[in-house]
Amino acid sequence: ERQLARLDADQVQAATLDPAALRERWNRRLLTLVEDFPKQPRN
């Protein structure tokens, strides 16, 4: 729920945000999730 709220907020603003900065933000978030919860890499 927390990550979807962040994702939805970014999606609403996507047209006005820098795509490179947005990609970097989500790159960091996804890496953090994999590091925090490493047992399910199938997705």
ModelCIF file with pLDDT and N, C-alpha, C, O atoms, coordinates in Angstrom:
data_MODEL
#
_entry.id   MODEL 
#
_entity.id                         1 
_entity.type                       polymer 
_entity.pdbx_number_of_molecules   1 
#
_entity_poly.entity_id                      1 
_entity_poly.type                           'polypeptide(L)' 
_entity_poly.nstd_linkage                   no 
_entity_poly.nstd_monomer                   no 
_entity_poly.pdbx_seq_one_letter_code       ERQLARLDADQVQAATLDPAALRERWNRRLLTLVEDFPKQPRN 
_entity_poly.pdbx_seq_one_letter_code_can   ERQLARLDADQVQAATLDPAALRERWNRRLLTLVEDFPKQPRN 
_entity_poly.pdbx_strand_id                 A 
#
loop_
_entity_poly_seq.entity_id 
_entity_poly_seq.num 
_entity_poly_seq.mon_id 
_entity_poly_seq.hetero 
1 1  GLU n 
1 2  ARG n 
1 3  GLN n 
1 4  LEU n 
1 5  ALA n 
1 6  ARG n 
1 7  LEU n 
1 8  ASP n 
1 9  ALA n 
1 10 ASP n 
1 11 GLN n 
1 12 VAL n 
1 13 GLN n 
1 14 ALA n 
1 15 ALA n 
1 16 THR n 
1 17 LEU n 
1 18 ASP n 
1 19 PRO n 
1 20 ALA n 
1 21 ALA n 
1 22 LEU n 
1 23 ARG n 
1 24 GLU n 
1 25 ARG n 
1 26 TRP n 
1 27 ASN n 
1 28 ARG n 
1 29 ARG n 
1 30 LEU n 
1 31 LEU n 
1 32 THR n 
1 33 LEU n 
1 34 VAL n 
1 35 GLU n 
1 36 ASP n 
1 37 PHE n 
1 38 PRO n 
1 39 LYS n 
1 40 GLN n 
1 41 PRO n 
1 42 ARG n 
1 43 ASN n 
#
_struct_asym.id          A 
_struct_asym.entity_id   1 
#
loop_
_ma_qa_metric.id 
_ma_qa_metric.mode 
_ma_qa_metric.name 
_ma_qa_metric.software_group_id 
_ma_qa_metric.type 
1 global pLDDT . pLDDT 
2 local  pLDDT . pLDDT 
#
_ma_qa_metric_global.metric_id      1 
_ma_qa_metric_global.metric_value   87.26 
_ma_qa_metric_global.model_id       1 
_ma_qa_metric_global.ordinal_id     1 
#
loop_
_ma_qa_metric_local.label_asym_id 
_ma_qa_metric_local.label_comp_id 
_ma_qa_metric_local.label_seq_id 
_ma_qa_metric_local.metric_id 
_ma_qa_metric_local.metric_value 
_ma_qa_metric_local.model_id 
_ma_qa_metric_local.ordinal_id 
A GLU 1  2 96.00 1 1  
A ARG 2  2 95.00 1 2  
A GLN 3  2 93.00 1 3  
A LEU 4  2 96.00 1 4  
A ALA 5  2 97.00 1 5  
A ARG 6  2 95.00 1 6  
A LEU 7  2 95.00 1 7  
A ASP 8  2 96.00 1 8  
A ALA 9  2 96.00 1 9  
A ASP 10 2 95.00 1 10 
A GLN 11 2 95.00 1 11 
A VAL 12 2 94.00 1 12 
A GLN 13 2 94.00 1 13 
A ALA 14 2 92.00 1 14 
A ALA 15 2 90.00 1 15 
A THR 16 2 94.00 1 16 
A LEU 17 2 92.00 1 17 
A ASP 18 2 94.00 1 18 
A PRO 19 2 93.00 1 19 
A ALA 20 2 95.00 1 20 
A ALA 21 2 95.00 1 21 
A LEU 22 2 95.00 1 22 
A ARG 23 2 94.00 1 23 
A GLU 24 2 95.00 1 24 
A ARG 25 2 95.00 1 25 
A TRP 26 2 93.00 1 26 
A ASN 27 2 92.00 1 27 
A ARG 28 2 92.00 1 28 
A ARG 29 2 90.00 1 29 
A LEU 30 2 88.00 1 30 
A LEU 31 2 86.00 1 31 
A THR 32 2 87.00 1 32 
A LEU 33 2 83.00 1 33 
A VAL 34 2 80.00 1 34 
A GLU 35 2 81.00 1 35 
A ASP 36 2 82.00 1 36 
A PHE 37 2 76.00 1 37 
A PRO 38 2 71.00 1 38 
A LYS 39 2 65.00 1 39 
A GLN 40 2 55.00 1 40 
A PRO 41 2 55.00 1 41 
A ARG 42 2 57.00 1 42 
A ASN 43 2 58.00 1 43 
#
loop_
_atom_site.group_PDB 
_atom_site.id 
_atom_site.type_symbol 
_atom_site.label_atom_id 
_atom_site.label_alt_id 
_atom_site.label_comp_id 
_atom_site.label_asym_id 
_atom_site.label_entity_id 
_atom_site.label_seq_id 
_atom_site.pdbx_PDB_ins_code 
_atom_site.Cartn_x 
_atom_site.Cartn_y 
_atom_site.Cartn_z 
_atom_site.occupancy 
_atom_site.B_iso_or_equiv 
_atom_site.pdbx_formal_charge 
_atom_site.auth_seq_id 
_atom_site.auth_comp_id 
_atom_site.auth_asym_id 
_atom_site.auth_atom_id 
_atom_site.pdbx_PDB_model_num 
ATOM 1   N N  . GLU A 1 1  ? 0.824  -1.213  0.000   1.00 96.00 ? 1  GLU A N  1 
ATOM 2   C CA . GLU A 1 1  ? 0.000  0.000   0.000   1.00 96.00 ? 1  GLU A CA 1 
ATOM 3   C C  . GLU A 1 1  ? 0.860  1.265   0.000   1.00 96.00 ? 1  GLU A C  1 
ATOM 4   O O  . GLU A 1 1  ? 0.541  2.242   -0.678  1.00 96.00 ? 1  GLU A O  1 
ATOM 5   N N  . ARG A 1 2  ? 1.938  1.238   0.757   1.00 95.00 ? 2  ARG A N  1 
ATOM 6   C CA . ARG A 1 2  ? 2.829  2.398   0.829   1.00 95.00 ? 2  ARG A CA 1 
ATOM 7   C C  . ARG A 1 2  ? 3.496  2.666   -0.528  1.00 95.00 ? 2  ARG A C  1 
ATOM 8   O O  . ARG A 1 2  ? 3.554  3.807   -0.985  1.00 95.00 ? 2  ARG A O  1 
ATOM 9   N N  . GLN A 1 3  ? 3.989  1.614   -1.155  1.00 93.00 ? 3  GLN A N  1 
ATOM 10  C CA . GLN A 1 3  ? 4.656  1.785   -2.445  1.00 93.00 ? 3  GLN A CA 1 
ATOM 11  C C  . GLN A 1 3  ? 3.661  2.157   -3.547  1.00 93.00 ? 3  GLN A C  1 
ATOM 12  O O  . GLN A 1 3  ? 3.984  2.956   -4.426  1.00 93.00 ? 3  GLN A O  1 
ATOM 13  N N  . LEU A 1 4  ? 2.464  1.591   -3.508  1.00 96.00 ? 4  LEU A N  1 
ATOM 14  C CA . LEU A 1 4  ? 1.454  1.951   -4.510  1.00 96.00 ? 4  LEU A CA 1 
ATOM 15  C C  . LEU A 1 4  ? 1.015  3.403   -4.357  1.00 96.00 ? 4  LEU A C  1 
ATOM 16  O O  . LEU A 1 4  ? 0.750  4.078   -5.352  1.00 96.00 ? 4  LEU A O  1 
ATOM 17  N N  . ALA A 1 5  ? 0.935  3.884   -3.129  1.00 97.00 ? 5  ALA A N  1 
ATOM 18  C CA . ALA A 1 5  ? 0.598  5.301   -2.913  1.00 97.00 ? 5  ALA A CA 1 
ATOM 19  C C  . ALA A 1 5  ? 1.677  6.193   -3.531  1.00 97.00 ? 5  ALA A C  1 
ATOM 20  O O  . ALA A 1 5  ? 1.368  7.197   -4.172  1.00 97.00 ? 5  ALA A O  1 
ATOM 21  N N  . ARG A 1 6  ? 2.936  5.821   -3.334  1.00 95.00 ? 6  ARG A N  1 
ATOM 22  C CA . ARG A 1 6  ? 4.038  6.575   -3.950  1.00 95.00 ? 6  ARG A CA 1 
ATOM 23  C C  . ARG A 1 6  ? 3.960  6.499   -5.476  1.00 95.00 ? 6  ARG A C  1 
ATOM 24  O O  . ARG A 1 6  ? 4.123  7.498   -6.177  1.00 95.00 ? 6  ARG A O  1 
ATOM 25  N N  . LEU A 1 7  ? 3.709  5.302   -5.961  1.00 95.00 ? 7  LEU A N  1 
ATOM 26  C CA . LEU A 1 7  ? 3.641  5.095   -7.407  1.00 95.00 ? 7  LEU A CA 1 
ATOM 27  C C  . LEU A 1 7  ? 2.503  5.907   -8.015  1.00 95.00 ? 7  LEU A C  1 
ATOM 28  O O  . LEU A 1 7  ? 2.678  6.557   -9.045  1.00 95.00 ? 7  LEU A O  1 
ATOM 29  N N  . ASP A 1 8  ? 1.344  5.867   -7.376  1.00 96.00 ? 8  ASP A N  1 
ATOM 30  C CA . ASP A 1 8  ? 0.193  6.611   -7.882  1.00 96.00 ? 8  ASP A CA 1 
ATOM 31  C C  . ASP A 1 8  ? 0.450  8.120   -7.875  1.00 96.00 ? 8  ASP A C  1 
ATOM 32  O O  . ASP A 1 8  ? 0.058  8.829   -8.801  1.00 96.00 ? 8  ASP A O  1 
ATOM 33  N N  . ALA A 1 9  ? 1.107  8.598   -6.828  1.00 96.00 ? 9  ALA A N  1 
ATOM 34  C CA . ALA A 1 9  ? 1.431  10.029  -6.756  1.00 96.00 ? 9  ALA A CA 1 
ATOM 35  C C  . ALA A 1 9  ? 2.378  10.416  -7.890  1.00 96.00 ? 9  ALA A C  1 
ATOM 36  O O  . ALA A 1 9  ? 2.206  11.465  -8.512  1.00 96.00 ? 9  ALA A O  1 
ATOM 37  N N  . ASP A 1 10 ? 3.375  9.576   -8.160  1.00 95.00 ? 10 ASP A N  1 
ATOM 38  C CA . ASP A 1 10 ? 4.303  9.862   -9.257  1.00 95.00 ? 10 ASP A CA 1 
ATOM 39  C C  . ASP A 1 10 ? 3.609  9.763   -10.610 1.00 95.00 ? 10 ASP A C  1 
ATOM 40  O O  . ASP A 1 10 ? 3.892  10.546  -11.516 1.00 95.00 ? 10 ASP A O  1 
ATOM 41  N N  . GLN A 1 11 ? 2.711  8.811   -10.745 1.00 95.00 ? 11 GLN A N  1 
ATOM 42  C CA . GLN A 1 11 ? 2.015  8.641   -12.018 1.00 95.00 ? 11 GLN A CA 1 
ATOM 43  C C  . GLN A 1 11 ? 1.162  9.863   -12.342 1.00 95.00 ? 11 GLN A C  1 
ATOM 44  O O  . GLN A 1 11 ? 1.110  10.293  -13.494 1.00 95.00 ? 11 GLN A O  1 
ATOM 45  N N  . VAL A 1 12 ? 0.504  10.417  -11.350 1.00 94.00 ? 12 VAL A N  1 
ATOM 46  C CA . VAL A 1 12 ? -0.335 11.603  -11.548 1.00 94.00 ? 12 VAL A CA 1 
ATOM 47  C C  . VAL A 1 12 ? 0.514  12.781  -12.026 1.00 94.00 ? 12 VAL A C  1 
ATOM 48  O O  . VAL A 1 12 ? 0.062  13.599  -12.828 1.00 94.00 ? 12 VAL A O  1 
ATOM 49  N N  . GLN A 1 13 ? 1.739  12.856  -11.528 1.00 94.00 ? 13 GLN A N  1 
ATOM 50  C CA . GLN A 1 13 ? 2.625  13.970  -11.870 1.00 94.00 ? 13 GLN A CA 1 
ATOM 51  C C  . GLN A 1 13 ? 3.616  13.635  -12.990 1.00 94.00 ? 13 GLN A C  1 
ATOM 52  O O  . GLN A 1 13 ? 4.459  14.470  -13.319 1.00 94.00 ? 13 GLN A O  1 
ATOM 53  N N  . ALA A 1 14 ? 3.542  12.464  -13.573 1.00 92.00 ? 14 ALA A N  1 
ATOM 54  C CA . ALA A 1 14 ? 4.556  11.985  -14.516 1.00 92.00 ? 14 ALA A CA 1 
ATOM 55  C C  . ALA A 1 14 ? 4.829  12.955  -15.658 1.00 92.00 ? 14 ALA A C  1 
ATOM 56  O O  . ALA A 1 14 ? 5.975  13.109  -16.080 1.00 92.00 ? 14 ALA A O  1 
ATOM 57  N N  . ALA A 1 15 ? 3.795  13.604  -16.156 1.00 90.00 ? 15 ALA A N  1 
ATOM 58  C CA . ALA A 1 15 ? 3.980  14.506  -17.290 1.00 90.00 ? 15 ALA A CA 1 
ATOM 59  C C  . ALA A 1 15 ? 4.794  15.746  -16.918 1.00 90.00 ? 15 ALA A C  1 
ATOM 60  O O  . ALA A 1 15 ? 5.370  16.393  -17.793 1.00 90.00 ? 15 ALA A O  1 
ATOM 61  N N  . THR A 1 16 ? 4.844  16.079  -15.636 1.00 94.00 ? 16 THR A N  1 
ATOM 62  C CA . THR A 1 16 ? 5.559  17.286  -15.221 1.00 94.00 ? 16 THR A CA 1 
ATOM 63  C C  . THR A 1 16 ? 6.894  16.991  -14.531 1.00 94.00 ? 16 THR A C  1 
ATOM 64  O O  . THR A 1 16 ? 7.647  17.917  -14.229 1.00 94.00 ? 16 THR A O  1 
ATOM 65  N N  . LEU A 1 17 ? 7.192  15.730  -14.282 1.00 92.00 ? 17 LEU A N  1 
ATOM 66  C CA . LEU A 1 17 ? 8.436  15.350  -13.616 1.00 92.00 ? 17 LEU A CA 1 
ATOM 67  C C  . LEU A 1 17 ? 9.505  14.986  -14.640 1.00 92.00 ? 17 LEU A C  1 
ATOM 68  O O  . LEU A 1 17 ? 9.190  14.553  -15.748 1.00 92.00 ? 17 LEU A O  1 
ATOM 69  N N  . ASP A 1 18 ? 10.755 15.162  -14.269 1.00 94.00 ? 18 ASP A N  1 
ATOM 70  C CA . ASP A 1 18 ? 11.874 14.770  -15.117 1.00 94.00 ? 18 ASP A CA 1 
ATOM 71  C C  . ASP A 1 18 ? 11.913 13.239  -15.199 1.00 94.00 ? 18 ASP A C  1 
ATOM 72  O O  . ASP A 1 18 ? 12.074 12.577  -14.174 1.00 94.00 ? 18 ASP A O  1 
ATOM 73  N N  . PRO A 1 19 ? 11.769 12.666  -16.400 1.00 93.00 ? 19 PRO A N  1 
ATOM 74  C CA . PRO A 1 19 ? 11.745 11.200  -16.522 1.00 93.00 ? 19 PRO A CA 1 
ATOM 75  C C  . PRO A 1 19 ? 13.004 10.525  -15.975 1.00 93.00 ? 19 PRO A C  1 
ATOM 76  O O  . PRO A 1 19 ? 12.917 9.459   -15.367 1.00 93.00 ? 19 PRO A O  1 
ATOM 77  N N  . ALA A 1 20 ? 14.168 11.133  -16.183 1.00 95.00 ? 20 ALA A N  1 
ATOM 78  C CA . ALA A 1 20 ? 15.413 10.528  -15.684 1.00 95.00 ? 20 ALA A CA 1 
ATOM 79  C C  . ALA A 1 20 ? 15.421 10.488  -14.154 1.00 95.00 ? 20 ALA A C  1 
ATOM 80  O O  . ALA A 1 20 ? 15.824 9.488   -13.560 1.00 95.00 ? 20 ALA A O  1 
ATOM 81  N N  . ALA A 1 21 ? 14.983 11.558  -13.529 1.00 95.00 ? 21 ALA A N  1 
ATOM 82  C CA . ALA A 1 21 ? 14.925 11.599  -12.065 1.00 95.00 ? 21 ALA A CA 1 
ATOM 83  C C  . ALA A 1 21 ? 13.900 10.601  -11.539 1.00 95.00 ? 21 ALA A C  1 
ATOM 84  O O  . ALA A 1 21 ? 14.122 9.959   -10.512 1.00 95.00 ? 21 ALA A O  1 
ATOM 85  N N  . LEU A 1 22 ? 12.796 10.473  -12.233 1.00 95.00 ? 22 LEU A N  1 
ATOM 86  C CA . LEU A 1 22 ? 11.761 9.527   -11.835 1.00 95.00 ? 22 LEU A CA 1 
ATOM 87  C C  . LEU A 1 22 ? 12.266 8.088   -11.968 1.00 95.00 ? 22 LEU A C  1 
ATOM 88  O O  . LEU A 1 22 ? 12.031 7.261   -11.086 1.00 95.00 ? 22 LEU A O  1 
ATOM 89  N N  . ARG A 1 23 ? 12.958 7.793   -13.066 1.00 94.00 ? 23 ARG A N  1 
ATOM 90  C CA . ARG A 1 23 ? 13.532 6.454   -13.236 1.00 94.00 ? 23 ARG A CA 1 
ATOM 91  C C  . ARG A 1 23 ? 14.540 6.153   -12.119 1.00 94.00 ? 23 ARG A C  1 
ATOM 92  O O  . ARG A 1 23 ? 14.541 5.055   -11.563 1.00 94.00 ? 23 ARG A O  1 
ATOM 93  N N  . GLU A 1 24 ? 15.383 7.117   -11.798 1.00 95.00 ? 24 GLU A N  1 
ATOM 94  C CA . GLU A 1 24 ? 16.376 6.924   -10.734 1.00 95.00 ? 24 GLU A CA 1 
ATOM 95  C C  . GLU A 1 24 ? 15.686 6.689   -9.391  1.00 95.00 ? 24 GLU A C  1 
ATOM 96  O O  . GLU A 1 24 ? 16.111 5.832   -8.617  1.00 95.00 ? 24 GLU A O  1 
ATOM 97  N N  . ARG A 1 25 ? 14.637 7.438   -9.115  1.00 95.00 ? 25 ARG A N  1 
ATOM 98  C CA . ARG A 1 25 ? 13.883 7.264   -7.864  1.00 95.00 ? 25 ARG A CA 1 
ATOM 99  C C  . ARG A 1 25 ? 13.350 5.843   -7.757  1.00 95.00 ? 25 ARG A C  1 
ATOM 100 O O  . ARG A 1 25 ? 13.495 5.193   -6.721  1.00 95.00 ? 25 ARG A O  1 
ATOM 101 N N  . TRP A 1 26 ? 12.726 5.359   -8.842  1.00 93.00 ? 26 TRP A N  1 
ATOM 102 C CA . TRP A 1 26 ? 12.145 4.023   -8.801  1.00 93.00 ? 26 TRP A CA 1 
ATOM 103 C C  . TRP A 1 26 ? 13.213 2.945   -8.872  1.00 93.00 ? 26 TRP A C  1 
ATOM 104 O O  . TRP A 1 26 ? 13.014 1.852   -8.343  1.00 93.00 ? 26 TRP A O  1 
ATOM 105 N N  . ASN A 1 27 ? 14.314 3.217   -9.498  1.00 92.00 ? 27 ASN A N  1 
ATOM 106 C CA . ASN A 1 27 ? 15.432 2.279   -9.489  1.00 92.00 ? 27 ASN A CA 1 
ATOM 107 C C  . ASN A 1 27 ? 15.894 2.054   -8.044  1.00 92.00 ? 27 ASN A C  1 
ATOM 108 O O  . ASN A 1 27 ? 16.078 0.913   -7.619  1.00 92.00 ? 27 ASN A O  1 
ATOM 109 N N  . ARG A 1 28 ? 16.079 3.134   -7.302  1.00 92.00 ? 28 ARG A N  1 
ATOM 110 C CA . ARG A 1 28 ? 16.499 3.025   -5.894  1.00 92.00 ? 28 ARG A CA 1 
ATOM 111 C C  . ARG A 1 28 ? 15.447 2.285   -5.066  1.00 92.00 ? 28 ARG A C  1 
ATOM 112 O O  . ARG A 1 28 ? 15.790 1.433   -4.245  1.00 92.00 ? 28 ARG A O  1 
ATOM 113 N N  . ARG A 1 29 ? 14.190 2.602   -5.276  1.00 90.00 ? 29 ARG A N  1 
ATOM 114 C CA . ARG A 1 29 ? 13.128 1.955   -4.489  1.00 90.00 ? 29 ARG A CA 1 
ATOM 115 C C  . ARG A 1 29 ? 13.058 0.458   -4.774  1.00 90.00 ? 29 ARG A C  1 
ATOM 116 O O  . ARG A 1 29 ? 12.905 -0.346  -3.855  1.00 90.00 ? 29 ARG A O  1 
ATOM 117 N N  . LEU A 1 30 ? 13.169 0.088   -6.045  1.00 88.00 ? 30 LEU A N  1 
ATOM 118 C CA . LEU A 1 30 ? 13.110 -1.334  -6.401  1.00 88.00 ? 30 LEU A CA 1 
ATOM 119 C C  . LEU A 1 30 ? 14.310 -2.084  -5.840  1.00 88.00 ? 30 LEU A C  1 
ATOM 120 O O  . LEU A 1 30 ? 14.162 -3.195  -5.331  1.00 88.00 ? 30 LEU A O  1 
ATOM 121 N N  . LEU A 1 31 ? 15.496 -1.490  -5.928  1.00 86.00 ? 31 LEU A N  1 
ATOM 122 C CA . LEU A 1 31 ? 16.672 -2.141  -5.350  1.00 86.00 ? 31 LEU A CA 1 
ATOM 123 C C  . LEU A 1 31 ? 16.531 -2.308  -3.845  1.00 86.00 ? 31 LEU A C  1 
ATOM 124 O O  . LEU A 1 31 ? 16.906 -3.341  -3.289  1.00 86.00 ? 31 LEU A O  1 
ATOM 125 N N  . THR A 1 32 ? 15.994 -1.299  -3.194  1.00 87.00 ? 32 THR A N  1 
ATOM 126 C CA . THR A 1 32 ? 15.791 -1.385  -1.744  1.00 87.00 ? 32 THR A CA 1 
ATOM 127 C C  . THR A 1 32 ? 14.828 -2.519  -1.404  1.00 87.00 ? 32 THR A C  1 
ATOM 128 O O  . THR A 1 32 ? 15.058 -3.264  -0.452  1.00 87.00 ? 32 THR A O  1 
ATOM 129 N N  . LEU A 1 33 ? 13.761 -2.653  -2.170  1.00 83.00 ? 33 LEU A N  1 
ATOM 130 C CA . LEU A 1 33 ? 12.804 -3.733  -1.920  1.00 83.00 ? 33 LEU A CA 1 
ATOM 131 C C  . LEU A 1 33 ? 13.448 -5.101  -2.108  1.00 83.00 ? 33 LEU A C  1 
ATOM 132 O O  . LEU A 1 33 ? 13.210 -6.018  -1.323  1.00 83.00 ? 33 LEU A O  1 
ATOM 133 N N  . VAL A 1 34 ? 14.265 -5.236  -3.150  1.00 80.00 ? 34 VAL A N  1 
ATOM 134 C CA . VAL A 1 34 ? 14.933 -6.515  -3.382  1.00 80.00 ? 34 VAL A CA 1 
ATOM 135 C C  . VAL A 1 34 ? 15.898 -6.823  -2.244  1.00 80.00 ? 34 VAL A C  1 
ATOM 136 O O  . VAL A 1 34 ? 15.993 -7.968  -1.801  1.00 80.00 ? 34 VAL A O  1 
ATOM 137 N N  . GLU A 1 35 ? 16.613 -5.809  -1.772  1.00 81.00 ? 35 GLU A N  1 
ATOM 138 C CA . GLU A 1 35 ? 17.537 -6.013  -0.660  1.00 81.00 ? 35 GLU A CA 1 
ATOM 139 C C  . GLU A 1 35 ? 16.788 -6.352  0.627   1.00 81.00 ? 35 GLU A C  1 
ATOM 140 O O  . GLU A 1 35 ? 17.227 -7.204  1.400   1.00 81.00 ? 35 GLU A O  1 
ATOM 141 N N  . ASP A 1 36 ? 15.665 -5.689  0.853   1.00 82.00 ? 36 ASP A N  1 
ATOM 142 C CA . ASP A 1 36 ? 14.896 -5.929  2.076   1.00 82.00 ? 36 ASP A CA 1 
ATOM 143 C C  . ASP A 1 36 ? 14.128 -7.247  2.040   1.00 82.00 ? 36 ASP A C  1 
ATOM 144 O O  . ASP A 1 36 ? 13.923 -7.872  3.081   1.00 82.00 ? 36 ASP A O  1 
ATOM 145 N N  . PHE A 1 37 ? 13.708 -7.666  0.871   1.00 76.00 ? 37 PHE A N  1 
ATOM 146 C CA . PHE A 1 37 ? 12.890 -8.878  0.721   1.00 76.00 ? 37 PHE A CA 1 
ATOM 147 C C  . PHE A 1 37 ? 13.444 -9.731  -0.426  1.00 76.00 ? 37 PHE A C  1 
ATOM 148 O O  . PHE A 1 37 ? 12.822 -9.814  -1.485  1.00 76.00 ? 37 PHE A O  1 
ATOM 149 N N  . PRO A 1 38 ? 14.609 -10.365 -0.226  1.00 71.00 ? 38 PRO A N  1 
ATOM 150 C CA . PRO A 1 38 ? 15.320 -11.027 -1.321  1.00 71.00 ? 38 PRO A CA 1 
ATOM 151 C C  . PRO A 1 38 ? 14.795 -12.397 -1.744  1.00 71.00 ? 38 PRO A C  1 
ATOM 152 O O  . PRO A 1 38 ? 15.292 -12.948 -2.726  1.00 71.00 ? 38 PRO A O  1 
ATOM 153 N N  . LYS A 1 39 ? 13.843 -12.953 -1.067  1.00 65.00 ? 39 LYS A N  1 
ATOM 154 C CA . LYS A 1 39 ? 13.483 -14.346 -1.318  1.00 65.00 ? 39 LYS A CA 1 
ATOM 155 C C  . LYS A 1 39 ? 12.510 -14.579 -2.462  1.00 65.00 ? 39 LYS A C  1 
ATOM 156 O O  . LYS A 1 39 ? 12.182 -15.730 -2.752  1.00 65.00 ? 39 LYS A O  1 
ATOM 157 N N  . GLN A 1 40 ? 12.040 -13.534 -3.117  1.00 55.00 ? 40 GLN A N  1 
ATOM 158 C CA . GLN A 1 40 ? 11.049 -13.745 -4.164  1.00 55.00 ? 40 GLN A CA 1 
ATOM 159 C C  . GLN A 1 40 ? 11.462 -13.057 -5.464  1.00 55.00 ? 40 GLN A C  1 
ATOM 160 O O  . GLN A 1 40 ? 10.810 -12.095 -5.871  1.00 55.00 ? 40 GLN A O  1 
ATOM 161 N N  . PRO A 1 41 ? 12.513 -13.514 -6.121  1.00 55.00 ? 41 PRO A N  1 
ATOM 162 C CA . PRO A 1 41 ? 12.981 -12.843 -7.329  1.00 55.00 ? 41 PRO A CA 1 
ATOM 163 C C  . PRO A 1 41 ? 12.214 -13.197 -8.599  1.00 55.00 ? 41 PRO A C  1 
ATOM 164 O O  . PRO A 1 41 ? 12.533 -12.673 -9.666  1.00 55.00 ? 41 PRO A O  1 
ATOM 165 N N  . ARG A 1 42 ? 11.224 -14.062 -8.515  1.00 57.00 ? 42 ARG A N  1 
ATOM 166 C CA . ARG A 1 42 ? 10.579 -14.534 -9.742  1.00 57.00 ? 42 ARG A CA 1 
ATOM 167 C C  . ARG A 1 42 ? 9.868  -13.429 -10.527 1.00 57.00 ? 42 ARG A C  1 
ATOM 168 O O  . ARG A 1 42 ? 9.692  -13.562 -11.738 1.00 57.00 ? 42 ARG A O  1 
ATOM 169 N N  . ASN A 1 43 ? 9.458  -12.352 -9.873  1.00 58.00 ? 43 ASN A N  1 
ATOM 170 C CA . ASN A 1 43 ? 8.791  -11.269 -10.605 1.00 58.00 ? 43 ASN A CA 1 
ATOM 171 C C  . ASN A 1 43 ? 9.735  -10.508 -11.520 1.00 58.00 ? 43 ASN A C  1 
ATOM 172 O O  . ASN A 1 43 ? 9.315  -9.570  -12.198 1.00 58.00 ? 43 ASN A O  1 
#
